[in-house]
């Protein structure tokens, strides 16, 4: 298996996606810094975070975005968005804050877990959870960020094996 390389362009794309909601929905001087770390386990079973320059299928990456309001006034209606990079899938339950929204198209968001109606072979319709591998983006409502305040959001993604679709495309 070949390692999944996180090219600078991929990380830049993720970081730029965080900046757009700040400019569109908030005012002030909010700076965003993005990190990606591979999750490893020590011999004692403790988790360690190491820089995610590359990862192999099956490994887990934790993305963190730190929002810092460098302005003199509070910023209101702050929203943080995290696209789920191609070749990865969201690890359910790993988002922090835990109240996260997800999207199948990057535009429409709803609380996790996403649900959909499916028709069974006998004609009945039932509600089912949408598999996390179909999620394309996550979003948190931060709300108000005080002057000189900061907030961090994070979520984990699992690198999918080569040749396996990470989500259903439109």
Protein backbone atom coordinates (compact mmCIF):
# COMPACT_ATOMS: atom_id res chain seq x y z
CA UNK A 1 0.00 0.00 0.00
CA UNK A 2 1.23 3.46 -0.85
CA UNK A 3 1.14 6.21 1.75
CA UNK A 4 -1.43 8.95 1.27
CA UNK A 5 0.54 12.19 0.92
CA UNK A 6 -0.96 15.42 2.18
CA UNK A 7 0.26 17.88 -0.41
CA UNK A 8 0.52 21.51 0.69
CA UNK A 9 -2.25 22.38 -1.78
CA UNK A 10 -4.64 19.99 -0.01
CA UNK A 11 -3.95 21.49 3.41
CA UNK A 12 -4.20 25.01 1.95
CA UNK A 13 -7.58 24.17 0.46
CA UNK A 14 -8.83 23.01 3.86
CA UNK A 15 -7.48 26.14 5.55
CA UNK A 16 -9.06 28.43 2.95
CA UNK A 17 -12.41 26.77 3.49
CA UNK A 18 -12.25 27.81 7.15
CA UNK A 19 -11.57 31.45 6.26
CA UNK A 20 -14.55 31.83 3.89
CA UNK A 21 -17.29 31.43 6.54
CA UNK A 22 -15.51 33.92 8.80
CA UNK A 23 -15.50 36.58 6.07
CA UNK A 24 -19.06 35.84 4.98
CA UNK A 25 -20.75 35.51 8.38
CA UNK A 26 -18.60 37.36 10.85
CA UNK A 27 -16.93 40.70 11.19
CA UNK A 28 -13.70 41.54 12.89
CA UNK A 29 -10.19 40.28 12.70
CA UNK A 30 -10.48 36.49 13.08
CA UNK A 31 -7.40 34.47 12.15
CA UNK A 32 -7.62 30.73 11.54
CA UNK A 33 -4.77 28.23 11.88
CA UNK A 34 -5.15 24.65 10.69
CA UNK A 35 -3.23 21.56 11.75
CA UNK A 36 -3.40 17.93 10.69
CA UNK A 37 -1.96 15.18 12.89
CA UNK A 38 -1.77 11.43 12.42
CA UNK A 39 -2.98 9.45 15.44
CA UNK A 40 -0.49 6.85 16.67
CA UNK A 41 -0.54 4.58 19.71
CA UNK A 42 2.37 4.03 22.10
CA UNK A 43 3.34 0.61 23.47
CA UNK A 44 1.27 1.52 26.54
CA UNK A 45 -1.84 2.13 24.42
CA UNK A 46 -1.72 5.92 24.78
CA UNK A 47 -2.57 8.11 21.81
CA UNK A 48 0.07 10.38 20.30
CA UNK A 49 -0.36 13.07 17.65
CA UNK A 50 2.38 13.34 15.03
CA UNK A 51 2.50 15.71 12.04
CA UNK A 52 0.46 14.31 9.13
CA UNK A 53 2.82 14.71 6.22
CA UNK A 54 1.68 11.32 4.97
CA UNK A 55 -0.61 8.53 6.09
CA UNK A 56 -1.46 4.99 5.02
CA UNK A 57 -4.94 3.61 4.37
CA UNK A 58 -6.64 2.80 7.65
CA UNK A 59 -4.72 5.45 9.61
CA UNK A 60 -6.56 8.29 11.32
CA UNK A 61 -5.86 12.01 10.91
CA UNK A 62 -7.09 14.63 13.36
CA UNK A 63 -7.79 18.05 11.84
CA UNK A 64 -7.87 21.05 14.18
CA UNK A 65 -8.81 24.62 13.36
CA UNK A 66 -8.05 27.34 15.89
CA UNK A 67 -10.03 30.57 15.56
CA UNK A 68 -8.47 33.60 17.24
CA UNK A 69 -10.23 36.97 17.32
CA UNK A 70 -7.40 39.50 17.14
CA UNK A 71 -9.85 42.41 17.07
CA UNK A 72 -10.99 44.79 19.79
CA UNK A 73 -14.64 43.76 19.49
CA UNK A 74 -16.54 40.49 19.75
CA UNK A 75 -17.34 38.64 16.53
CA UNK A 76 -20.88 37.34 16.21
CA UNK A 77 -22.40 34.51 14.16
CA UNK A 78 -19.07 32.76 13.70
CA UNK A 79 -19.37 29.45 11.82
CA UNK A 80 -16.55 26.93 11.35
CA UNK A 81 -16.63 24.57 8.35
CA UNK A 82 -14.36 21.62 7.66
CA UNK A 83 -14.45 19.87 4.29
CA UNK A 84 -13.75 16.16 4.41
CA UNK A 85 -10.77 15.65 2.09
CA UNK A 86 -11.04 13.17 -0.78
CA UNK A 87 -9.54 9.84 0.23
CA UNK A 88 -10.76 10.17 3.82
CA UNK A 89 -13.97 9.61 5.75
CA UNK A 90 -15.27 11.17 8.95
CA UNK A 91 -14.86 9.09 12.12
CA UNK A 92 -18.28 9.31 13.85
CA UNK A 93 -18.18 10.68 17.38
CA UNK A 94 -14.78 12.35 16.94
CA UNK A 95 -16.01 15.92 16.43
CA UNK A 96 -15.41 18.50 19.13
CA UNK A 97 -17.48 20.33 20.03
CA UNK A 98 -19.76 17.32 19.77
CA UNK A 99 -22.73 19.31 18.43
CA UNK A 100 -21.72 19.19 14.78
CA UNK A 101 -23.62 19.44 11.53
CA UNK A 102 -22.73 17.43 8.42
CA UNK A 103 -23.39 17.77 4.72
CA UNK A 104 -23.63 15.44 1.74
CA UNK A 105 -23.15 18.27 -0.77
CA UNK A 106 -21.13 20.93 1.09
CA UNK A 107 -24.12 23.31 1.01
CA UNK A 108 -26.96 21.88 3.11
CA UNK A 109 -26.15 20.92 6.71
CA UNK A 110 -28.09 18.95 9.34
CA UNK A 111 -27.28 17.47 12.79
CA UNK A 112 -25.15 14.31 12.91
CA UNK A 113 -26.00 11.53 12.34
CA UNK A 114 -27.54 12.40 8.99
CA UNK A 115 -30.68 10.44 8.13
CA UNK A 116 -32.41 9.49 4.89
CA UNK A 117 -35.63 7.76 3.91
CA UNK A 118 -35.15 4.50 2.00
CA UNK A 119 -37.71 2.27 0.35
CA UNK A 120 -37.45 -1.41 1.28
CA UNK A 121 -38.13 -4.27 -1.13
CA UNK A 122 -41.63 -4.68 0.33
CA UNK A 123 -42.44 -1.03 -0.47
CA UNK A 124 -42.23 0.33 3.08
CA UNK A 125 -40.24 3.50 3.69
CA UNK A 126 -37.93 3.63 6.70
CA UNK A 127 -35.43 6.14 8.05
CA UNK A 128 -31.77 5.04 8.07
CA UNK A 129 -28.50 6.67 9.10
CA UNK A 130 -26.44 7.92 6.18
CA UNK A 131 -23.01 6.20 6.28
CA UNK A 132 -20.32 8.64 7.48
CA UNK A 133 -18.25 7.80 4.36
CA UNK A 134 -20.81 9.86 2.38
CA UNK A 135 -20.27 13.05 4.43
CA UNK A 136 -18.49 15.80 2.49
CA UNK A 137 -18.21 18.53 5.13
CA UNK A 138 -18.71 19.32 8.82
CA UNK A 139 -19.85 22.58 10.40
CA UNK A 140 -19.99 24.04 13.90
CA UNK A 141 -21.90 27.11 15.06
CA UNK A 142 -19.41 28.97 17.22
CA UNK A 143 -21.64 32.00 17.80
CA UNK A 144 -19.89 34.88 19.55
CA UNK A 145 -16.10 34.98 19.86
CA UNK A 146 -14.94 37.63 22.36
CA UNK A 147 -12.22 40.15 21.58
CA UNK A 148 -8.87 38.34 21.82
CA UNK A 149 -10.80 35.10 22.38
CA UNK A 150 -10.10 31.79 20.74
CA UNK A 151 -11.95 28.58 19.96
CA UNK A 152 -10.79 25.30 18.45
CA UNK A 153 -12.85 22.76 16.52
CA UNK A 154 -11.59 19.31 15.58
CA UNK A 155 -12.59 16.08 13.90
CA UNK A 156 -10.91 12.85 12.88
CA UNK A 157 -10.82 11.35 9.41
CA UNK A 158 -9.78 7.83 8.44
CA UNK A 159 -7.70 7.41 5.30
CA UNK A 160 -9.59 5.09 2.96
CA UNK A 161 -7.86 2.27 1.04
CA UNK A 162 -6.74 3.05 -2.52
CA UNK A 163 -9.49 2.19 -4.98
CA UNK A 164 -12.27 2.51 -2.39
CA UNK A 165 -14.60 5.48 -2.78
CA UNK A 166 -14.55 7.61 0.36
CA UNK A 167 -18.08 8.86 -0.29
CA UNK A 168 -20.82 8.70 -2.85
CA UNK A 169 -20.39 11.44 -5.45
CA UNK A 170 -23.25 13.50 -6.85
